[in-house]
Amino acid sequence: GDVTQIDLPKNVQSGLKEAAAILDRVEGIKFVYFDERDVVRHPLVQKIVTAYDRYQPQPQQHAHPSSEPEP
């Protein structure tokens, strides 16, 4: 699996991450983690992976209600 491709809500534990935590010290089981240096595709794909790794979403700004009340 790919822990960078988990789309669960922030308060929901990933089964993949949980399995890695539980099985981390079991003899015979190994986990391999890759980063952008391991991407051997087109250089543009590597730039995209790096951009996503660096991206920190900003808090959503809510639209301000108009100052005039609606009829």
PDB file of N, CA and C in Angstrom:
ATOM      1  N   GLY A   1       0.822  -1.192   0.000  1.00  0.00           N
ATOM      2  CA  GLY A   1       0.000   0.000   0.000  1.00  0.00           C
ATOM      3  C   GLY A   1       0.858   1.244   0.000  1.00  0.00           C
ATOM      4  N   ASP A   2       0.211   2.352  -0.057  1.00  0.00           N
ATOM      5  CA  ASP A   2       0.894   3.643  -0.106  1.00  0.00           C
ATOM      6  C   ASP A   2       0.266   4.553   0.938  1.00  0.00           C
ATOM      7  N   VAL A   3       1.001   4.818   2.016  1.00  0.00           N
ATOM      8  CA  VAL A   3       0.457   5.645   3.089  1.00  0.00           C
ATOM      9  C   VAL A   3       0.265   7.094   2.675  1.00  0.00           C
ATOM     10  N   THR A   4       0.810   7.493   1.529  1.00  0.00           N
ATOM     11  CA  THR A   4       0.594   8.865   1.057  1.00  0.00           C
ATOM     12  C   THR A   4      -0.703   8.981   0.274  1.00  0.00           C
ATOM     13  N   GLN A   5      -1.378   7.869   0.046  1.00  0.00           N
ATOM     14  CA  GLN A   5      -2.616   7.895  -0.737  1.00  0.00           C
ATOM     15  C   GLN A   5      -3.817   7.459   0.100  1.00  0.00           C
ATOM     16  N   ILE A   6      -3.823   7.898   1.336  1.00  0.00           N
ATOM     17  CA  ILE A   6      -4.934   7.585   2.234  1.00  0.00           C
ATOM     18  C   ILE A   6      -5.890   8.768   2.216  1.00  0.00           C
ATOM     19  N   ASP A   7      -7.152   8.507   1.942  1.00  0.00           N
ATOM     20  CA  ASP A   7      -8.116   9.603   1.841  1.00  0.00           C
ATOM     21  C   ASP A   7      -9.186   9.537   2.930  1.00  0.00           C
ATOM     22  N   LEU A   8      -8.804   9.038   4.082  1.00  0.00           N
ATOM     23  CA  LEU A   8      -9.734   8.962   5.206  1.00  0.00           C
ATOM     24  C   LEU A   8      -9.776  10.301   5.939  1.00  0.00           C
ATOM     25  N   PRO A   9     -10.868  10.582   6.640  1.00  0.00           N
ATOM     26  CA  PRO A   9     -10.899  11.791   7.474  1.00  0.00           C
ATOM     27  C   PRO A   9      -9.765  11.747   8.497  1.00  0.00           C
ATOM     28  N   LYS A  10      -9.307  12.911   8.940  1.00  0.00           N
ATOM     29  CA  LYS A  10      -8.149  12.982   9.834  1.00  0.00           C
ATOM     30  C   LYS A  10      -8.336  12.222  11.145  1.00  0.00           C
ATOM     31  N   ASN A  11      -9.560  12.075  11.623  1.00  0.00           N
ATOM     32  CA  ASN A  11      -9.784  11.391  12.898  1.00  0.00           C
ATOM     33  C   ASN A  11      -9.996   9.886  12.741  1.00  0.00           C
ATOM     34  N   VAL A  12      -9.825   9.343  11.530  1.00  0.00           N
ATOM     35  CA  VAL A  12     -10.013   7.914  11.276  1.00  0.00           C
ATOM     36  C   VAL A  12      -8.647   7.277  11.025  1.00  0.00           C
ATOM     37  N   GLN A  13      -8.345   6.246  11.800  1.00  0.00           N
ATOM     38  CA  GLN A  13      -7.061   5.553  11.680  1.00  0.00           C
ATOM     39  C   GLN A  13      -7.009   4.734  10.393  1.00  0.00           C
ATOM     40  N   SER A  14      -5.913   4.852   9.678  1.00  0.00           N
ATOM     41  CA  SER A  14      -5.693   4.059   8.471  1.00  0.00           C
ATOM     42  C   SER A  14      -5.375   2.623   8.865  1.00  0.00           C
ATOM     43  N   GLY A  15      -6.050   1.684   8.234  1.00  0.00           N
ATOM     44  CA  GLY A  15      -5.755   0.279   8.482  1.00  0.00           C
ATOM     45  C   GLY A  15      -4.326  -0.069   8.102  1.00  0.00           C
ATOM     46  N   LEU A  16      -3.822   0.559   7.052  1.00  0.00           N
ATOM     47  CA  LEU A  16      -2.446   0.305   6.619  1.00  0.00           C
ATOM     48  C   LEU A  16      -1.452   0.799   7.670  1.00  0.00           C
ATOM     49  N   LYS A  17      -1.672   2.011   8.182  1.00  0.00           N
ATOM     50  CA  LYS A  17      -0.768   2.542   9.211  1.00  0.00           C
ATOM     51  C   LYS A  17      -0.872   1.722  10.496  1.00  0.00           C
ATOM     52  N   GLU A  18      -2.085   1.292  10.817  1.00  0.00           N
ATOM     53  CA  GLU A  18      -2.281   0.477  12.012  1.00  0.00           C
ATOM     54  C   GLU A  18      -1.555  -0.865  11.866  1.00  0.00           C
ATOM     55  N   ALA A  19      -1.667  -1.489  10.701  1.00  0.00           N
ATOM     56  CA  ALA A  19      -0.979  -2.763  10.454  1.00  0.00           C
ATOM     57  C   ALA A  19       0.530  -2.584  10.561  1.00  0.00           C
ATOM     58  N   ALA A  20       1.046  -1.487  10.034  1.00  0.00           N
ATOM     59  CA  ALA A  20       2.485  -1.229  10.111  1.00  0.00           C
ATOM     60  C   ALA A  20       2.924  -1.080  11.566  1.00  0.00           C
ATOM     61  N   ALA A  21       2.119  -0.398  12.369  1.00  0.00           N
ATOM     62  CA  ALA A  21       2.460  -0.222  13.780  1.00  0.00           C
ATOM     63  C   ALA A  21       2.409  -1.550  14.536  1.00  0.00           C
ATOM     64  N   ILE A  22       1.421  -2.367  14.253  1.00  0.00           N
ATOM     65  CA  ILE A  22       1.248  -3.649  14.945  1.00  0.00           C
ATOM     66  C   ILE A  22       2.317  -4.652  14.526  1.00  0.00           C
ATOM     67  N   LEU A  23       2.626  -4.681  13.241  1.00  0.00           N
ATOM     68  CA  LEU A  23       3.518  -5.717  12.703  1.00  0.00           C
ATOM     69  C   LEU A  23       4.975  -5.290  12.605  1.00  0.00           C
ATOM     70  N   ASP A  24       5.275  -4.067  12.998  1.00  0.00           N
ATOM     71  CA  ASP A  24       6.619  -3.507  12.841  1.00  0.00           C
ATOM     72  C   ASP A  24       7.716  -4.376  13.445  1.00  0.00           C
ATOM     73  N   ARG A  25       7.448  -5.004  14.565  1.00  0.00           N
ATOM     74  CA  ARG A  25       8.490  -5.782  15.249  1.00  0.00           C
ATOM     75  C   ARG A  25       8.317  -7.289  15.104  1.00  0.00           C
ATOM     76  N   VAL A  26       7.469  -7.699  14.169  1.00  0.00           N
ATOM     77  CA  VAL A  26       7.284  -9.129  13.938  1.00  0.00           C
ATOM     78  C   VAL A  26       8.412  -9.613  13.031  1.00  0.00           C
ATOM     79  N   GLU A  27       9.134 -10.620  13.506  1.00  0.00           N
ATOM     80  CA  GLU A  27      10.250 -11.150  12.729  1.00  0.00           C
ATOM     81  C   GLU A  27       9.743 -11.683  11.396  1.00  0.00           C
ATOM     82  N   GLY A  28      10.441 -11.332  10.326  1.00  0.00           N
ATOM     83  CA  GLY A  28      10.083 -11.799   8.997  1.00  0.00           C
ATOM     84  C   GLY A  28       9.204 -10.833   8.224  1.00  0.00           C
ATOM     85  N   ILE A  29       8.704  -9.801   8.898  1.00  0.00           N
ATOM     86  CA  ILE A  29       7.885  -8.795   8.212  1.00  0.00           C
ATOM     87  C   ILE A  29       8.670  -7.496   8.145  1.00  0.00           C
ATOM     88  N   LYS A  30       8.763  -6.940   6.976  1.00  0.00           N
ATOM     89  CA  LYS A  30       9.488  -5.685   6.765  1.00  0.00           C
ATOM     90  C   LYS A  30       8.602  -4.714   6.011  1.00  0.00           C
ATOM     91  N   PHE A  31       8.786  -3.454   6.283  1.00  0.00           N
ATOM     92  CA  PHE A  31       8.095  -2.392   5.564  1.00  0.00           C
ATOM     93  C   PHE A  31       9.138  -1.541   4.868  1.00  0.00           C
ATOM     94  N   VAL A  32       8.844  -1.152   3.650  1.00  0.00           N
ATOM     95  CA  VAL A  32       9.749  -0.317   2.863  1.00  0.00           C
ATOM     96  C   VAL A  32       9.036   0.994   2.583  1.00  0.00           C
ATOM     97  N   TYR A  33       9.713   2.097   2.853  1.00  0.00           N
ATOM     98  CA  TYR A  33       9.136   3.418   2.634  1.00  0.00           C
ATOM     99  C   TYR A  33       9.946   4.137   1.565  1.00  0.00           C
ATOM    100  N   PHE A  34       9.257   4.714   0.615  1.00  0.00           N
ATOM    101  CA  PHE A  34       9.891   5.417  -0.488  1.00  0.00           C
ATOM    102  C   PHE A  34       9.656   6.914  -0.349  1.00  0.00           C
ATOM    103  N   ASP A  35      10.505   7.699  -1.006  1.00  0.00           N
ATOM    104  CA  ASP A  35      10.276   9.137  -1.089  1.00  0.00           C
ATOM    105  C   ASP A  35      10.497   9.584  -2.531  1.00  0.00           C
ATOM    106  N   GLU A  36      10.497  10.900  -2.752  1.00  0.00           N
ATOM    107  CA  GLU A  36      10.568  11.398  -4.134  1.00  0.00           C
ATOM    108  C   GLU A  36      11.830  10.961  -4.867  1.00  0.00           C
ATOM    109  N   ARG A  37      12.891  10.627  -4.150  1.00  0.00           N
ATOM    110  CA  ARG A  37      14.126  10.171  -4.812  1.00  0.00           C
ATOM    111  C   ARG A  37      13.954   8.796  -5.450  1.00  0.00           C
ATOM    112  N   ASP A  38      12.933   8.063  -5.020  1.00  0.00           N
ATOM    113  CA  ASP A  38      12.681   6.723  -5.538  1.00  0.00           C
ATOM    114  C   ASP A  38      11.789   6.713  -6.772  1.00  0.00           C
ATOM    115  N   VAL A  39      11.241   7.866  -7.120  1.00  0.00           N
ATOM    116  CA  VAL A  39      10.379   7.945  -8.299  1.00  0.00           C
ATOM    117  C   VAL A  39      11.281   7.917  -9.527  1.00  0.00           C
ATOM    118  N   VAL A  40      11.095   6.913 -10.369  1.00  0.00           N
ATOM    119  CA  VAL A  40      11.959   6.769 -11.540  1.00  0.00           C
ATOM    120  C   VAL A  40      11.157   6.939 -12.825  1.00  0.00           C
ATOM    121  N   ARG A  41      10.120   7.747 -12.737  1.00  0.00           N
ATOM    122  CA  ARG A  41       9.307   8.024 -13.910  1.00  0.00           C
ATOM    123  C   ARG A  41       9.817   9.291 -14.572  1.00  0.00           C
ATOM    124  N   HIS A  42       8.977   9.875 -15.374  1.00  0.00           N
ATOM    125  CA  HIS A  42       9.300  11.124 -16.041  1.00  0.00           C
ATOM    126  C   HIS A  42       9.653  12.183 -14.989  1.00  0.00           C
ATOM    127  N   PRO A  43      10.629  13.059 -15.248  1.00  0.00           N
ATOM    128  CA  PRO A  43      11.006  14.096 -14.280  1.00  0.00           C
ATOM    129  C   PRO A  43       9.828  14.962 -13.825  1.00  0.00           C
ATOM    130  N   LEU A  44       8.855  15.162 -14.694  1.00  0.00           N
ATOM    131  CA  LEU A  44       7.691  15.960 -14.305  1.00  0.00           C
ATOM    132  C   LEU A  44       6.899  15.262 -13.199  1.00  0.00           C
ATOM    133  N   VAL A  45       6.798  13.944 -13.261  1.00  0.00           N
ATOM    134  CA  VAL A  45       6.093  13.190 -12.219  1.00  0.00           C
ATOM    135  C   VAL A  45       6.824  13.359 -10.891  1.00  0.00           C
ATOM    136  N   GLN A  46       8.140  13.329 -10.920  1.00  0.00           N
ATOM    137  CA  GLN A  46       8.923  13.516  -9.700  1.00  0.00           C
ATOM    138  C   GLN A  46       8.667  14.908  -9.111  1.00  0.00           C
ATOM    139  N   LYS A  47       8.552  15.929  -9.958  1.00  0.00           N
ATOM    140  CA  LYS A  47       8.254  17.283  -9.478  1.00  0.00           C
ATOM    141  C   LYS A  47       6.867  17.340  -8.849  1.00  0.00           C
ATOM    142  N   ILE A  48       5.920  16.626  -9.427  1.00  0.00           N
ATOM    143  CA  ILE A  48       4.560  16.598  -8.889  1.00  0.00           C
ATOM    144  C   ILE A  48       4.554  15.929  -7.518  1.00  0.00           C
ATOM    145  N   VAL A  49       5.241  14.808  -7.381  1.00  0.00           N
ATOM    146  CA  VAL A  49       5.319  14.113  -6.097  1.00  0.00           C
ATOM    147  C   VAL A  49       5.936  15.029  -5.044  1.00  0.00           C
ATOM    148  N   THR A  50       7.007  15.722  -5.397  1.00  0.00           N
ATOM    149  CA  THR A  50       7.666  16.640  -4.471  1.00  0.00           C
ATOM    150  C   THR A  50       6.730  17.774  -4.072  1.00  0.00           C
ATOM    151  N   ALA A  51       6.005  18.331  -5.035  1.00  0.00           N
ATOM    152  CA  ALA A  51       5.075  19.426  -4.743  1.00  0.00           C
ATOM    153  C   ALA A  51       4.007  18.977  -3.754  1.00  0.00           C
ATOM    154  N   TYR A  52       3.459  17.782  -3.943  1.00  0.00           N
ATOM    155  CA  TYR A  52       2.441  17.279  -3.015  1.00  0.00           C
ATOM    156  C   TYR A  52       3.030  17.021  -1.629  1.00  0.00           C
ATOM    157  N   ASP A  53       4.270  16.549  -1.569  1.00  0.00           N
ATOM    158  CA  ASP A  53       4.912  16.321  -0.274  1.00  0.00           C
ATOM    159  C   ASP A  53       5.096  17.628   0.489  1.00  0.00           C
ATOM    160  N   ARG A  54       5.372  18.704  -0.212  1.00  0.00           N
ATOM    161  CA  ARG A  54       5.622  20.009   0.417  1.00  0.00           C
ATOM    162  C   ARG A  54       4.346  20.788   0.699  1.00  0.00           C
ATOM    163  N   TYR A  55       3.252  20.422   0.059  1.00  0.00           N
ATOM    164  CA  TYR A  55       2.005  21.176   0.164  1.00  0.00           C
ATOM    165  C   TYR A  55       1.423  21.098   1.566  1.00  0.00           C
ATOM    166  N   GLN A  56       1.071  22.248   2.092  1.00  0.00           N
ATOM    167  CA  GLN A  56       0.384  22.321   3.378  1.00  0.00           C
ATOM    168  C   GLN A  56      -0.892  23.109   3.149  1.00  0.00           C
ATOM    169  N   PRO A  57      -2.020  22.445   3.175  1.00  0.00           N
ATOM    170  CA  PRO A  57      -3.273  23.146   2.881  1.00  0.00           C
ATOM    171  C   PRO A  57      -3.537  24.266   3.879  1.00  0.00           C
ATOM    172  N   GLN A  58      -4.065  25.351   3.374  1.00  0.00           N
ATOM    173  CA  GLN A  58      -4.441  26.491   4.205  1.00  0.00           C
ATOM    174  C   GLN A  58      -5.851  26.259   4.733  1.00  0.00           C
ATOM    175  N   PRO A  59      -6.143  26.777   5.922  1.00  0.00           N
ATOM    176  CA  PRO A  59      -7.521  26.650   6.420  1.00  0.00           C
ATOM    177  C   PRO A  59      -8.492  27.278   5.431  1.00  0.00           C
ATOM    178  N   GLN A  60      -9.626  26.634   5.268  1.00  0.00           N
ATOM    179  CA  GLN A  60     -10.616  27.150   4.323  1.00  0.00           C
ATOM    180  C   GLN A  60     -11.162  28.464   4.833  1.00  0.00           C
ATOM    181  N   GLN A  61     -11.249  29.423   3.916  1.00  0.00           N
ATOM    182  CA  GLN A  61     -11.828  30.712   4.267  1.00  0.00           C
ATOM    183  C   GLN A  61     -13.291  30.679   3.890  1.00  0.00           C
ATOM    184  N   HIS A  62     -14.122  31.061   4.824  1.00  0.00           N
ATOM    185  CA  HIS A  62     -15.557  31.074   4.572  1.00  0.00           C
ATOM    186  C   HIS A  62     -15.940  32.394   3.934  1.00  0.00           C
ATOM    187  N   ALA A  63     -16.871  32.342   3.023  1.00  0.00           N
ATOM    188  CA  ALA A  63     -17.352  33.558   2.374  1.00  0.00           C
ATOM    189  C   ALA A  63     -18.028  34.429   3.425  1.00  0.00           C
ATOM    190  N   HIS A  64     -17.743  35.717   3.350  1.00  0.00           N
ATOM    191  CA  HIS A  64     -18.368  36.655   4.278  1.00  0.00           C
ATOM    192  C   HIS A  64     -19.762  36.996   3.778  1.00  0.00           C
ATOM    193  N   PRO A  65     -20.739  36.968   4.659  1.00  0.00           N
ATOM    194  CA  PRO A  65     -22.089  37.349   4.217  1.00  0.00           C
ATOM    195  C   PRO A  65     -22.102  38.821   3.836  1.00  0.00           C
ATOM    196  N   SER A  66     -22.942  39.155   2.911  1.00  0.00           N
ATOM    197  CA  SER A  66     -23.008  40.549   2.481  1.00  0.00           C
ATOM    198  C   SER A  66     -23.484  41.403   3.643  1.00  0.00           C
ATOM    199  N   SER A  67     -23.089  42.653   3.640  1.00  0.00           N
ATOM    200  CA  SER A  67     -23.458  43.547   4.733  1.00  0.00           C
ATOM    201  C   SER A  67     -24.910  43.982   4.643  1.00  0.00           C
ATOM    202  N   GLU A  68     -25.519  43.756   3.504  1.00  0.00           N
ATOM    203  CA  GLU A  68     -26.919  44.145   3.334  1.00  0.00           C
ATOM    204  C   GLU A  68     -27.813  42.931   3.563  1.00  0.00           C
ATOM    205  N   PRO A  69     -28.842  43.085   4.396  1.00  0.00           N
ATOM    206  CA  PRO A  69     -29.755  41.947   4.609  1.00  0.00           C
ATOM    207  C   PRO A  69     -30.571  41.667   3.364  1.00  0.00           C
ATOM    208  N   GLU A  70     -30.874  40.393   3.171  1.00  0.00           N
ATOM    209  CA  GLU A  70     -31.692  40.018   2.017  1.00  0.00           C
ATOM    210  C   GLU A  70     -33.149  40.321   2.320  1.00  0.00           C
ATOM    211  N   PRO A  71     -33.942  40.685   1.284  1.00  0.00           N
ATOM    212  CA  PRO A  71     -35.365  41.013   1.503  1.00  0.00           C
ATOM    213  C   PRO A  71     -36.158  39.826   1.982  1.00  0.00           C
TER     214      PRO A  71
END
